[in-house]
């Protein structure tokens, strides 16, 4: 099991510096082949979600024994920093890896840099945040609007479809945050008894969520539901709710089903999360890169189904990320509309 310390050590990358893992070289003759170099990008080295994507990619690529594969992790050292991610990308473009598995810090701002990589002959497997424009080989992710709608609807039902709501949005420039906000608003429109008090960004950060939630709790004497755009924000909101003596009176939601969130659900604190499944996304993105390098035709997108996690089923997620049952490529392909 990769520890948080190990994750921070191996995931951090500045322009020109990254962590590399050679995946399973079974014989001397085989290892003499030139390895495929696959660069796996994340948006930061803080959120456990990105650890799960990395683990998924490694577990996936480690299965393939017909060619040595060098898996390289790259991420801004300052979380979600656009300028640093651009520098990292440009550095890797000069090094010409065989494939880049990429999630943009900003799905619009990174388009020119990604297309520069494509123009240099480097295929891009896009995951988690869909690029706003340009050519990529495949997108692996989820329907964020539907995911948020389902989470909100579930929480609203738990309070009798009548109550007061606050939204903690993610990074404004992230398409996931924008789509999840739309999903929350759609759920509010469909449940007229729920009143939106405020919507504020917490930038997918637990610390910022604590600060934002503290202010909201001071402003509003009644809050029934907190819709947090990811688990880190949900956990931050719970810290503030607990400190205000209102734990048990507010249903806080999350997204990602990260290990800390699962523990919080089992403790009766976080109400529900959605399994955005970083592990599955990383696993499928890794397989997509391998199939692409093998010359196979791959679909233009793979969208994972929405799965909610609450106290009734959370125990199934209460295992190390690398021990979760991986998705089957053919089955996920068959689920696409």
C-alpha atoms as a PDB file:
ATOM      1  CA  UNK A   1       0.000   0.000   0.000  1.00  0.00           C
ATOM      2  CA  UNK A   2       1.428   3.399  -0.983  1.00  0.00           C
ATOM      3  CA  UNK A   3       1.621   5.703   2.029  1.00  0.00           C
ATOM      4  CA  UNK A   4       0.862   9.427   1.908  1.00  0.00           C
ATOM      5  CA  UNK A   5       4.562  10.105   2.417  1.00  0.00           C
ATOM      6  CA  UNK A   6       5.434   7.796  -0.452  1.00  0.00           C
ATOM      7  CA  UNK A   7       2.817   9.443  -2.631  1.00  0.00           C
ATOM      8  CA  UNK A   8       4.214  12.906  -1.975  1.00  0.00           C
ATOM      9  CA  UNK A   9       7.704  11.657  -2.741  1.00  0.00           C
ATOM     10  CA  UNK A  10       6.874   9.928  -6.004  1.00  0.00           C
ATOM     11  CA  UNK A  11       4.116  12.139  -7.356  1.00  0.00           C
ATOM     12  CA  UNK A  12       5.758  15.553  -7.112  1.00  0.00           C
ATOM     13  CA  UNK A  13       7.324  16.822 -10.318  1.00  0.00           C
ATOM     14  CA  UNK A  14       8.585  20.168 -11.426  1.00  0.00           C
ATOM     15  CA  UNK A  15       9.455  20.890 -15.040  1.00  0.00           C
ATOM     16  CA  UNK A  16      12.068  18.325 -15.987  1.00  0.00           C
ATOM     17  CA  UNK A  17      11.856  16.359 -12.726  1.00  0.00           C
ATOM     18  CA  UNK A  18       9.535  13.412 -12.175  1.00  0.00           C
ATOM     19  CA  UNK A  19       9.294  10.010 -10.551  1.00  0.00           C
ATOM     20  CA  UNK A  20       9.619   6.981 -12.808  1.00  0.00           C
ATOM     21  CA  UNK A  21       8.588   3.382 -12.235  1.00  0.00           C
ATOM     22  CA  UNK A  22       9.674   0.492 -14.423  1.00  0.00           C
ATOM     23  CA  UNK A  23       6.802  -1.944 -14.529  1.00  0.00           C
ATOM     24  CA  UNK A  24       7.667  -5.625 -14.228  1.00  0.00           C
ATOM     25  CA  UNK A  25      10.608  -6.698 -16.430  1.00  0.00           C
ATOM     26  CA  UNK A  26      10.369 -10.508 -16.446  1.00  0.00           C
ATOM     27  CA  UNK A  27      13.377 -11.492 -18.562  1.00  0.00           C
ATOM     28  CA  UNK A  28      16.746 -10.166 -19.725  1.00  0.00           C
ATOM     29  CA  UNK A  29      15.842 -10.345 -23.415  1.00  0.00           C
ATOM     30  CA  UNK A  30      12.572  -8.562 -22.903  1.00  0.00           C
ATOM     31  CA  UNK A  31      14.165  -5.813 -20.803  1.00  0.00           C
ATOM     32  CA  UNK A  32      16.584  -5.018 -23.641  1.00  0.00           C
ATOM     33  CA  UNK A  33      13.688  -3.599 -25.662  1.00  0.00           C
ATOM     34  CA  UNK A  34      13.308   0.158 -25.556  1.00  0.00           C
ATOM     35  CA  UNK A  35      10.627   0.873 -22.946  1.00  0.00           C
ATOM     36  CA  UNK A  36       7.495   2.806 -23.750  1.00  0.00           C
ATOM     37  CA  UNK A  37       7.556   6.012 -21.736  1.00  0.00           C
ATOM     38  CA  UNK A  38       4.145   7.047 -20.406  1.00  0.00           C
ATOM     39  CA  UNK A  39       3.861  10.303 -18.466  1.00  0.00           C
ATOM     40  CA  UNK A  40       0.937  10.376 -16.052  1.00  0.00           C
ATOM     41  CA  UNK A  41      -0.119  13.896 -15.027  1.00  0.00           C
ATOM     42  CA  UNK A  42      -2.130  14.883 -11.958  1.00  0.00           C
ATOM     43  CA  UNK A  43      -3.233  18.340 -10.785  1.00  0.00           C
ATOM     44  CA  UNK A  44      -1.569  18.223  -7.372  1.00  0.00           C
ATOM     45  CA  UNK A  45       0.126  15.950  -4.854  1.00  0.00           C
ATOM     46  CA  UNK A  46      -2.198  16.739  -1.940  1.00  0.00           C
ATOM     47  CA  UNK A  47      -5.623  15.271  -2.701  1.00  0.00           C
ATOM     48  CA  UNK A  48      -5.843  11.487  -2.096  1.00  0.00           C
ATOM     49  CA  UNK A  49      -7.909  11.257  -5.289  1.00  0.00           C
ATOM     50  CA  UNK A  50      -4.759  11.782  -7.361  1.00  0.00           C
ATOM     51  CA  UNK A  51      -2.941   9.075  -5.439  1.00  0.00           C
ATOM     52  CA  UNK A  52      -5.765   6.726  -6.424  1.00  0.00           C
ATOM     53  CA  UNK A  53      -5.424   7.627 -10.110  1.00  0.00           C
ATOM     54  CA  UNK A  54      -1.701   6.927  -9.998  1.00  0.00           C
ATOM     55  CA  UNK A  55      -2.197   3.602  -8.267  1.00  0.00           C
ATOM     56  CA  UNK A  56      -4.846   2.664 -10.837  1.00  0.00           C
ATOM     57  CA  UNK A  57      -2.514   3.424 -13.741  1.00  0.00           C
ATOM     58  CA  UNK A  58       0.346   1.441 -12.208  1.00  0.00           C
ATOM     59  CA  UNK A  59      -1.835  -1.586 -11.416  1.00  0.00           C
ATOM     60  CA  UNK A  60      -3.235  -1.499 -14.948  1.00  0.00           C
ATOM     61  CA  UNK A  61       0.065  -1.154 -16.796  1.00  0.00           C
ATOM     62  CA  UNK A  62       1.839  -3.674 -14.591  1.00  0.00           C
ATOM     63  CA  UNK A  63      -0.317  -6.412 -16.168  1.00  0.00           C
ATOM     64  CA  UNK A  64       1.260  -6.069 -19.583  1.00  0.00           C
ATOM     65  CA  UNK A  65       4.440  -8.091 -20.003  1.00  0.00           C
ATOM     66  CA  UNK A  66       5.115  -7.927 -23.758  1.00  0.00           C
ATOM     67  CA  UNK A  67       7.028  -4.639 -23.592  1.00  0.00           C
ATOM     68  CA  UNK A  68       8.849  -2.729 -20.827  1.00  0.00           C
ATOM     69  CA  UNK A  69       6.893   0.331 -19.718  1.00  0.00           C
ATOM     70  CA  UNK A  70       8.315   3.333 -17.884  1.00  0.00           C
ATOM     71  CA  UNK A  71       5.515   5.064 -15.966  1.00  0.00           C
ATOM     72  CA  UNK A  72       6.419   8.613 -14.965  1.00  0.00           C
ATOM     73  CA  UNK A  73       4.374  10.772 -12.590  1.00  0.00           C
ATOM     74  CA  UNK A  74       4.210  14.531 -13.077  1.00  0.00           C
ATOM     75  CA  UNK A  75       2.331  17.207 -11.114  1.00  0.00           C
ATOM     76  CA  UNK A  76       2.621  20.835 -10.069  1.00  0.00           C
ATOM     77  CA  UNK A  77       4.278  21.205  -6.675  1.00  0.00           C
ATOM     78  CA  UNK A  78       1.884  24.082  -5.991  1.00  0.00           C
ATOM     79  CA  UNK A  79      -1.609  22.560  -6.104  1.00  0.00           C
ATOM     80  CA  UNK A  80      -3.619  23.260  -9.257  1.00  0.00           C
ATOM     81  CA  UNK A  81      -1.119  25.791 -10.587  1.00  0.00           C
ATOM     82  CA  UNK A  82      -1.727  26.525 -14.267  1.00  0.00           C
ATOM     83  CA  UNK A  83       1.653  28.118 -15.008  1.00  0.00           C
ATOM     84  CA  UNK A  84       3.598  25.259 -13.442  1.00  0.00           C
ATOM     85  CA  UNK A  85       1.567  22.645 -15.286  1.00  0.00           C
ATOM     86  CA  UNK A  86       2.258  24.452 -18.573  1.00  0.00           C
ATOM     87  CA  UNK A  87       5.995  24.410 -17.811  1.00  0.00           C
ATOM     88  CA  UNK A  88       5.880  20.707 -16.959  1.00  0.00           C
ATOM     89  CA  UNK A  89       4.032  19.916 -20.180  1.00  0.00           C
ATOM     90  CA  UNK A  90       6.412  21.957 -22.313  1.00  0.00           C
ATOM     91  CA  UNK A  91       9.399  20.229 -20.745  1.00  0.00           C
ATOM     92  CA  UNK A  92       7.936  16.805 -21.524  1.00  0.00           C
ATOM     93  CA  UNK A  93       7.122  17.834 -25.078  1.00  0.00           C
ATOM     94  CA  UNK A  94      10.860  18.330 -25.660  1.00  0.00           C
ATOM     95  CA  UNK A  95      11.534  14.851 -24.211  1.00  0.00           C
ATOM     96  CA  UNK A  96       9.019  13.178 -26.542  1.00  0.00           C
ATOM     97  CA  UNK A  97       7.422  10.444 -24.395  1.00  0.00           C
ATOM     98  CA  UNK A  98       5.345   7.829 -26.203  1.00  0.00           C
ATOM     99  CA  UNK A  99       2.054   8.884 -24.573  1.00  0.00           C
ATOM    100  CA  UNK A 100       0.902  11.453 -22.047  1.00  0.00           C
ATOM    101  CA  UNK A 101      -2.053  10.672 -19.771  1.00  0.00           C
ATOM    102  CA  UNK A 102      -3.279  14.122 -18.899  1.00  0.00           C
ATOM    103  CA  UNK A 103      -5.733  15.988 -16.676  1.00  0.00           C
ATOM    104  CA  UNK A 104      -5.703  19.780 -17.058  1.00  0.00           C
ATOM    105  CA  UNK A 105      -5.636  22.140 -14.097  1.00  0.00           C
ATOM    106  CA  UNK A 106      -7.745  24.407 -16.314  1.00  0.00           C
ATOM    107  CA  UNK A 107      -9.571  22.723 -19.182  1.00  0.00           C
ATOM    108  CA  UNK A 108      -9.427  25.892 -21.335  1.00  0.00           C
ATOM    109  CA  UNK A 109      -6.045  27.402 -20.432  1.00  0.00           C
ATOM    110  CA  UNK A 110      -4.166  24.165 -21.130  1.00  0.00           C
ATOM    111  CA  UNK A 111      -5.625  23.625 -24.617  1.00  0.00           C
ATOM    112  CA  UNK A 112      -2.778  25.370 -26.516  1.00  0.00           C
ATOM    113  CA  UNK A 113      -0.114  23.428 -24.629  1.00  0.00           C
ATOM    114  CA  UNK A 114      -1.863  20.096 -25.128  1.00  0.00           C
ATOM    115  CA  UNK A 115      -2.243  20.786 -28.837  1.00  0.00           C
ATOM    116  CA  UNK A 116       1.452  21.651 -28.967  1.00  0.00           C
ATOM    117  CA  UNK A 117       2.113  18.145 -27.658  1.00  0.00           C
ATOM    118  CA  UNK A 118      -0.226  16.649 -30.269  1.00  0.00           C
ATOM    119  CA  UNK A 119       1.533  18.617 -33.004  1.00  0.00           C
ATOM    120  CA  UNK A 120       4.829  17.151 -31.770  1.00  0.00           C
ATOM    121  CA  UNK A 121       3.417  13.656 -32.335  1.00  0.00           C
ATOM    122  CA  UNK A 122       2.657  12.819 -28.695  1.00  0.00           C
ATOM    123  CA  UNK A 123      -0.758  11.146 -28.241  1.00  0.00           C
ATOM    124  CA  UNK A 124      -2.856  12.451 -25.341  1.00  0.00           C
ATOM    125  CA  UNK A 125      -5.121  10.287 -23.193  1.00  0.00           C
ATOM    126  CA  UNK A 126      -7.379  12.808 -21.431  1.00  0.00           C
ATOM    127  CA  UNK A 127      -8.951  11.781 -18.118  1.00  0.00           C
ATOM    128  CA  UNK A 128     -11.047  13.241 -15.284  1.00  0.00           C
ATOM    129  CA  UNK A 129     -11.432  16.780 -16.736  1.00  0.00           C
ATOM    130  CA  UNK A 130     -12.396  16.866 -20.406  1.00  0.00           C
ATOM    131  CA  UNK A 131     -10.395  19.340 -22.500  1.00  0.00           C
ATOM    132  CA  UNK A 132     -12.464  22.234 -23.862  1.00  0.00           C
ATOM    133  CA  UNK A 133     -11.122  21.825 -27.403  1.00  0.00           C
ATOM    134  CA  UNK A 134      -8.489  20.173 -29.540  1.00  0.00           C
ATOM    135  CA  UNK A 135      -7.561  16.603 -30.362  1.00  0.00           C
ATOM    136  CA  UNK A 136      -7.098  13.890 -27.773  1.00  0.00           C
ATOM    137  CA  UNK A 137      -7.239  10.132 -28.333  1.00  0.00           C
ATOM    138  CA  UNK A 138      -9.849   9.353 -25.670  1.00  0.00           C
ATOM    139  CA  UNK A 139     -11.555  10.870 -22.648  1.00  0.00           C
ATOM    140  CA  UNK A 140     -11.931   8.731 -19.501  1.00  0.00           C
ATOM    141  CA  UNK A 141     -14.158  10.139 -16.796  1.00  0.00           C
ATOM    142  CA  UNK A 142     -17.671  10.462 -15.477  1.00  0.00           C
ATOM    143  CA  UNK A 143     -20.829  12.458 -16.088  1.00  0.00           C
ATOM    144  CA  UNK A 144     -20.195  15.071 -13.403  1.00  0.00           C
ATOM    145  CA  UNK A 145     -23.515  16.828 -13.768  1.00  0.00           C
ATOM    146  CA  UNK A 146     -25.475  13.613 -13.293  1.00  0.00           C
ATOM    147  CA  UNK A 147     -23.214  12.555 -10.441  1.00  0.00           C
ATOM    148  CA  UNK A 148     -23.851  15.824  -8.582  1.00  0.00           C
ATOM    149  CA  UNK A 149     -27.576  15.636  -9.328  1.00  0.00           C
ATOM    150  CA  UNK A 150     -27.791  12.135  -7.848  1.00  0.00           C
ATOM    151  CA  UNK A 151     -25.819  13.107  -4.715  1.00  0.00           C
ATOM    152  CA  UNK A 152     -27.971  16.173  -4.113  1.00  0.00           C
ATOM    153  CA  UNK A 153     -31.234  14.347  -4.749  1.00  0.00           C
ATOM    154  CA  UNK A 154     -30.250  11.632  -2.277  1.00  0.00           C
ATOM    155  CA  UNK A 155     -29.403  14.192   0.415  1.00  0.00           C
ATOM    156  CA  UNK A 156     -32.593  16.169  -0.201  1.00  0.00           C
ATOM    157  CA  UNK A 157     -34.684  13.039   0.202  1.00  0.00           C
ATOM    158  CA  UNK A 158     -32.998  12.383   3.561  1.00  0.00           C
ATOM    159  CA  UNK A 159     -34.294  15.730   4.894  1.00  0.00           C
ATOM    160  CA  UNK A 160     -37.774  15.233   3.495  1.00  0.00           C
ATOM    161  CA  UNK A 161     -37.146  17.381   0.398  1.00  0.00           C
ATOM    162  CA  UNK A 162     -37.521  20.485   2.512  1.00  0.00           C
ATOM    163  CA  UNK A 163     -34.664  22.511   3.937  1.00  0.00           C
ATOM    164  CA  UNK A 164     -31.834  24.982   3.414  1.00  0.00           C
ATOM    165  CA  UNK A 165     -28.761  24.272   1.294  1.00  0.00           C
ATOM    166  CA  UNK A 166     -25.262  25.659   0.772  1.00  0.00           C
ATOM    167  CA  UNK A 167     -22.946  24.664  -2.051  1.00  0.00           C
ATOM    168  CA  UNK A 168     -19.165  24.460  -1.742  1.00  0.00           C
ATOM    169  CA  UNK A 169     -17.949  24.617  -5.327  1.00  0.00           C
ATOM    170  CA  UNK A 170     -14.586  23.393  -6.567  1.00  0.00           C
ATOM    171  CA  UNK A 171     -11.919  25.256  -8.535  1.00  0.00           C
ATOM    172  CA  UNK A 172     -13.860  27.671 -10.775  1.00  0.00           C
ATOM    173  CA  UNK A 173     -11.691  26.883 -13.798  1.00  0.00           C
ATOM    174  CA  UNK A 174     -12.204  23.126 -13.528  1.00  0.00           C
ATOM    175  CA  UNK A 175     -14.879  21.653 -15.796  1.00  0.00           C
ATOM    176  CA  UNK A 176     -15.702  19.125 -13.070  1.00  0.00           C
ATOM    177  CA  UNK A 177     -16.591  21.970 -10.709  1.00  0.00           C
ATOM    178  CA  UNK A 178     -18.732  23.682 -13.325  1.00  0.00           C
ATOM    179  CA  UNK A 179     -20.577  20.502 -14.265  1.00  0.00           C
ATOM    180  CA  UNK A 180     -21.177  19.568 -10.631  1.00  0.00           C
ATOM    181  CA  UNK A 181     -22.552  23.038  -9.922  1.00  0.00           C
ATOM    182  CA  UNK A 182     -24.994  22.584 -12.806  1.00  0.00           C
ATOM    183  CA  UNK A 183     -26.025  19.217 -11.382  1.00  0.00           C
ATOM    184  CA  UNK A 184     -26.690  20.734  -7.960  1.00  0.00           C
ATOM    185  CA  UNK A 185     -28.764  23.533  -9.475  1.00  0.00           C
ATOM    186  CA  UNK A 186     -30.796  21.053 -11.516  1.00  0.00           C
ATOM    187  CA  UNK A 187     -31.543  19.051  -8.366  1.00  0.00           C
ATOM    188  CA  UNK A 188     -32.642  22.256  -6.621  1.00  0.00           C
ATOM    189  CA  UNK A 189     -34.967  23.094  -9.502  1.00  0.00           C
ATOM    190  CA  UNK A 190     -36.494  19.633  -9.265  1.00  0.00           C
ATOM    191  CA  UNK A 191     -36.978  19.894  -5.497  1.00  0.00           C
ATOM    192  CA  UNK A 192     -38.825  23.144  -4.835  1.00  0.00           C
ATOM    193  CA  UNK A 193     -38.827  22.624  -1.077  1.00  0.00           C
ATOM    194  CA  UNK A 194     -35.046  23.077  -0.924  1.00  0.00           C
ATOM    195  CA  UNK A 195     -33.778  26.647  -0.597  1.00  0.00           C
ATOM    196  CA  UNK A 196     -30.275  27.616  -1.755  1.00  0.00           C
ATOM    197  CA  UNK A 197     -28.704  29.985   0.775  1.00  0.00           C
ATOM    198  CA  UNK A 198     -25.286  30.456  -0.821  1.00  0.00           C
ATOM    199  CA  UNK A 199     -22.765  28.933  -3.236  1.00  0.00           C
ATOM    200  CA  UNK A 200     -19.075  29.639  -2.732  1.00  0.00           C
ATOM    201  CA  UNK A 201     -15.892  28.049  -4.100  1.00  0.00           C
ATOM    202  CA  UNK A 202     -13.503  26.252  -1.775  1.00  0.00           C
ATOM    203  CA  UNK A 203     -11.153  25.228  -4.608  1.00  0.00           C
ATOM    204  CA  UNK A 204     -11.237  21.506  -3.794  1.00  0.00           C
ATOM    205  CA  UNK A 205      -9.255  22.282  -0.621  1.00  0.00           C
ATOM    206  CA  UNK A 206     -10.081  20.965   2.837  1.00  0.00           C
ATOM    207  CA  UNK A 207      -8.551  23.992   4.570  1.00  0.00           C
ATOM    208  CA  UNK A 208     -10.443  26.465   2.413  1.00  0.00           C
ATOM    209  CA  UNK A 209     -13.653  24.502   2.962  1.00  0.00           C
ATOM    210  CA  UNK A 210     -13.190  24.844   6.741  1.00  0.00           C
ATOM    211  CA  UNK A 211     -12.813  28.599   6.386  1.00  0.00           C
ATOM    212  CA  UNK A 212     -15.725  29.024   3.973  1.00  0.00           C
ATOM    213  CA  UNK A 213     -17.995  26.805   6.082  1.00  0.00           C
ATOM    214  CA  UNK A 214     -17.137  28.669   9.289  1.00  0.00           C
ATOM    215  CA  UNK A 215     -18.326  31.884   7.676  1.00  0.00           C
ATOM    216  CA  UNK A 216     -21.490  30.276   6.316  1.00  0.00           C
ATOM    217  CA  UNK A 217     -22.353  28.798   9.709  1.00  0.00           C
ATOM    218  CA  UNK A 218     -22.063  32.252  11.263  1.00  0.00           C
ATOM    219  CA  UNK A 219     -24.299  33.759   8.580  1.00  0.00           C
ATOM    220  CA  UNK A 220     -27.012  31.119   8.592  1.00  0.00           C
ATOM    221  CA  UNK A 221     -28.528  29.693  11.797  1.00  0.00           C
ATOM    222  CA  UNK A 222     -30.100  26.834   9.824  1.00  0.00           C
ATOM    223  CA  UNK A 223     -28.280  24.759   7.207  1.00  0.00           C
ATOM    224  CA  UNK A 224     -29.697  21.334   6.451  1.00  0.00           C
ATOM    225  CA  UNK A 225     -27.537  20.165   3.545  1.00  0.00           C
ATOM    226  CA  UNK A 226     -24.010  21.017   2.414  1.00  0.00           C
ATOM    227  CA  UNK A 227     -23.219  19.993  -1.167  1.00  0.00           C
ATOM    228  CA  UNK A 228     -19.425  19.812  -1.372  1.00  0.00           C
ATOM    229  CA  UNK A 229     -17.881  19.347  -4.802  1.00  0.00           C
ATOM    230  CA  UNK A 230     -15.337  16.828  -3.534  1.00  0.00           C
ATOM    231  CA  UNK A 231     -14.559  14.800  -0.421  1.00  0.00           C
ATOM    232  CA  UNK A 232     -11.772  17.084   0.786  1.00  0.00           C
ATOM    233  CA  UNK A 233     -14.239  19.974   0.880  1.00  0.00           C
ATOM    234  CA  UNK A 234     -16.851  17.784   2.523  1.00  0.00           C
ATOM    235  CA  UNK A 235     -14.399  16.750   5.239  1.00  0.00           C
ATOM    236  CA  UNK A 236     -13.410  20.382   5.771  1.00  0.00           C
ATOM    237  CA  UNK A 237     -17.066  21.364   6.075  1.00  0.00           C
ATOM    238  CA  UNK A 238     -17.600  18.663   8.697  1.00  0.00           C
ATOM    239  CA  UNK A 239     -14.703  20.026  10.765  1.00  0.00           C
ATOM    240  CA  UNK A 240     -16.390  23.420  10.822  1.00  0.00           C
ATOM    241  CA  UNK A 241     -19.830  21.961  11.520  1.00  0.00           C
ATOM    242  CA  UNK A 242     -18.422  19.913  14.397  1.00  0.00           C
ATOM    243  CA  UNK A 243     -16.600  22.908  15.881  1.00  0.00           C
ATOM    244  CA  UNK A 244     -19.868  24.868  15.744  1.00  0.00           C
ATOM    245  CA  UNK A 245     -21.662  22.133  17.693  1.00  0.00           C
ATOM    246  CA  UNK A 246     -23.970  21.352  14.785  1.00  0.00           C
ATOM    247  CA  UNK A 247     -22.751  17.872  13.882  1.00  0.00           C
ATOM    248  CA  UNK A 248     -25.722  15.587  13.268  1.00  0.00           C
ATOM    249  CA  UNK A 249     -27.912  18.535  12.293  1.00  0.00           C
ATOM    250  CA  UNK A 250     -26.312  19.054   8.863  1.00  0.00           C
ATOM    251  CA  UNK A 251     -26.002  16.452   6.120  1.00  0.00           C
ATOM    252  CA  UNK A 252     -22.694  16.986   4.313  1.00  0.00           C
ATOM    253  CA  UNK A 253     -22.012  15.322   0.976  1.00  0.00           C
ATOM    254  CA  UNK A 254     -18.854  14.728  -1.017  1.00  0.00           C
ATOM    255  CA  UNK A 255     -17.550  13.321  -4.259  1.00  0.00           C
ATOM    256  CA  UNK A 256     -14.688  10.835  -4.882  1.00  0.00           C
ATOM    257  CA  UNK A 257     -15.152   8.138  -2.195  1.00  0.00           C
ATOM    258  CA  UNK A 258     -11.570   8.594  -1.028  1.00  0.00           C
ATOM    259  CA  UNK A 259     -10.332   6.533   1.937  1.00  0.00           C
ATOM    260  CA  UNK A 260     -10.657   9.441   4.429  1.00  0.00           C
ATOM    261  CA  UNK A 261     -14.209  10.047   3.216  1.00  0.00           C
ATOM    262  CA  UNK A 262     -15.104   6.383   3.588  1.00  0.00           C
ATOM    263  CA  UNK A 263     -13.857   6.441   7.177  1.00  0.00           C
ATOM    264  CA  UNK A 264     -15.938   9.546   7.836  1.00  0.00           C
ATOM    265  CA  UNK A 265     -19.045   7.879   6.386  1.00  0.00           C
ATOM    266  CA  UNK A 266     -18.503   4.815   8.554  1.00  0.00           C
ATOM    267  CA  UNK A 267     -18.142   7.117  11.584  1.00  0.00           C
ATOM    268  CA  UNK A 268     -21.512   8.700  10.789  1.00  0.00           C
ATOM    269  CA  UNK A 269     -20.072  12.104   9.905  1.00  0.00           C
ATOM    270  CA  UNK A 270     -20.002  12.493   6.093  1.00  0.00           C
ATOM    271  CA  UNK A 271     -23.467  11.588   4.856  1.00  0.00           C
ATOM    272  CA  UNK A 272     -22.796  10.379   1.313  1.00  0.00           C
ATOM    273  CA  UNK A 273     -20.166  10.491  -1.394  1.00  0.00           C
ATOM    274  CA  UNK A 274     -20.120   9.482  -5.041  1.00  0.00           C
ATOM    275  CA  UNK A 275     -17.483   7.082  -6.255  1.00  0.00           C
ATOM    276  CA  UNK A 276     -15.764   9.242  -8.852  1.00  0.00           C
ATOM    277  CA  UNK A 277     -13.218   6.437  -8.705  1.00  0.00           C
ATOM    278  CA  UNK A 278      -9.780   7.829  -9.304  1.00  0.00           C
ATOM    279  CA  UNK A 279      -8.509   4.259  -9.257  1.00  0.00           C
ATOM    280  CA  UNK A 280     -10.851   3.228 -12.076  1.00  0.00           C
ATOM    281  CA  UNK A 281     -10.077   6.313 -14.117  1.00  0.00           C
ATOM    282  CA  UNK A 282      -6.338   5.806 -13.762  1.00  0.00           C
ATOM    283  CA  UNK A 283      -6.692   2.109 -14.522  1.00  0.00           C
ATOM    284  CA  UNK A 284      -8.702   2.665 -17.698  1.00  0.00           C
ATOM    285  CA  UNK A 285      -6.520   5.575 -18.812  1.00  0.00           C
ATOM    286  CA  UNK A 286      -3.451   3.372 -18.406  1.00  0.00           C
ATOM    287  CA  UNK A 287      -5.055   0.589 -20.424  1.00  0.00           C
ATOM    288  CA  UNK A 288      -6.123   3.079 -23.081  1.00  0.00           C
ATOM    289  CA  UNK A 289      -2.508   4.250 -23.408  1.00  0.00           C
ATOM    290  CA  UNK A 290      -1.276   0.677 -23.736  1.00  0.00           C
ATOM    291  CA  UNK A 291      -3.890  -0.265 -26.336  1.00  0.00           C
ATOM    292  CA  UNK A 292      -3.079   2.907 -28.251  1.00  0.00           C
ATOM    293  CA  UNK A 293       0.628   2.050 -28.340  1.00  0.00           C
ATOM    294  CA  UNK A 294      -0.259  -1.451 -29.498  1.00  0.00           C
ATOM    295  CA  UNK A 295      -2.039   0.078 -32.479  1.00  0.00           C
ATOM    296  CA  UNK A 296      -5.554  -0.874 -31.369  1.00  0.00           C
ATOM    297  CA  UNK A 297      -8.602   1.230 -32.140  1.00  0.00           C
ATOM    298  CA  UNK A 298     -10.017   2.695 -28.933  1.00  0.00           C
ATOM    299  CA  UNK A 299     -13.314   4.522 -28.278  1.00  0.00           C
ATOM    300  CA  UNK A 300     -13.390   8.320 -28.113  1.00  0.00           C
ATOM    301  CA  UNK A 301     -14.673   8.249 -24.529  1.00  0.00           C
ATOM    302  CA  UNK A 302     -15.320   5.996 -21.561  1.00  0.00           C
ATOM    303  CA  UNK A 303     -17.779   7.279 -18.952  1.00  0.00           C
ATOM    304  CA  UNK A 304     -18.093   5.452 -15.648  1.00  0.00           C
ATOM    305  CA  UNK A 305     -21.551   4.894 -14.103  1.00  0.00           C
ATOM    306  CA  UNK A 306     -22.615   6.905 -11.037  1.00  0.00           C
ATOM    307  CA  UNK A 307     -22.342   4.963  -7.765  1.00  0.00           C
ATOM    308  CA  UNK A 308     -23.324   6.508  -4.421  1.00  0.00           C
ATOM    309  CA  UNK A 309     -21.571   5.454  -1.217  1.00  0.00           C
ATOM    310  CA  UNK A 310     -23.246   5.810   2.172  1.00  0.00           C
ATOM    311  CA  UNK A 311     -23.235   3.956   5.511  1.00  0.00           C
ATOM    312  CA  UNK A 312     -25.135   1.045   3.947  1.00  0.00           C
ATOM    313  CA  UNK A 313     -22.445   0.099   1.435  1.00  0.00           C
ATOM    314  CA  UNK A 314     -19.315   2.016   2.508  1.00  0.00           C
ATOM    315  CA  UNK A 315     -17.637  -1.080   3.942  1.00  0.00           C
ATOM    316  CA  UNK A 316     -17.086  -2.371   0.409  1.00  0.00           C
ATOM    317  CA  UNK A 317     -14.870   0.690  -0.230  1.00  0.00           C
ATOM    318  CA  UNK A 318     -13.027   0.312   3.074  1.00  0.00           C
ATOM    319  CA  UNK A 319      -9.986  -1.364   1.538  1.00  0.00           C
ATOM    320  CA  UNK A 320      -6.660  -0.001   0.276  1.00  0.00           C
ATOM    321  CA  UNK A 321      -7.060   1.564  -3.139  1.00  0.00           C
ATOM    322  CA  UNK A 322      -4.810  -0.979  -4.819  1.00  0.00           C
ATOM    323  CA  UNK A 323      -6.987  -3.817  -3.515  1.00  0.00           C
ATOM    324  CA  UNK A 324     -10.170  -2.590  -5.145  1.00  0.00           C
ATOM    325  CA  UNK A 325     -11.612  -4.683  -7.925  1.00  0.00           C
ATOM    326  CA  UNK A 326     -10.466  -3.115 -11.193  1.00  0.00           C
ATOM    327  CA  UNK A 327     -12.838  -2.320 -14.038  1.00  0.00           C
ATOM    328  CA  UNK A 328     -12.934  -4.578 -17.092  1.00  0.00           C
ATOM    329  CA  UNK A 329     -12.259  -2.682 -20.320  1.00  0.00           C
ATOM    330  CA  UNK A 330     -14.740  -4.624 -22.424  1.00  0.00           C
ATOM    331  CA  UNK A 331     -17.522  -4.222 -19.860  1.00  0.00           C
ATOM    332  CA  UNK A 332     -17.007  -0.469 -19.549  1.00  0.00           C
ATOM    333  CA  UNK A 333     -16.959  -0.129 -23.340  1.00  0.00           C
ATOM    334  CA  UNK A 334     -20.238  -2.061 -23.528  1.00  0.00           C
ATOM    335  CA  UNK A 335     -21.867   0.396 -21.083  1.00  0.00           C
ATOM    336  CA  UNK A 336     -21.275   3.400 -23.340  1.00  0.00           C
ATOM    337  CA  UNK A 337     -24.346   4.868 -25.029  1.00  0.00           C
END
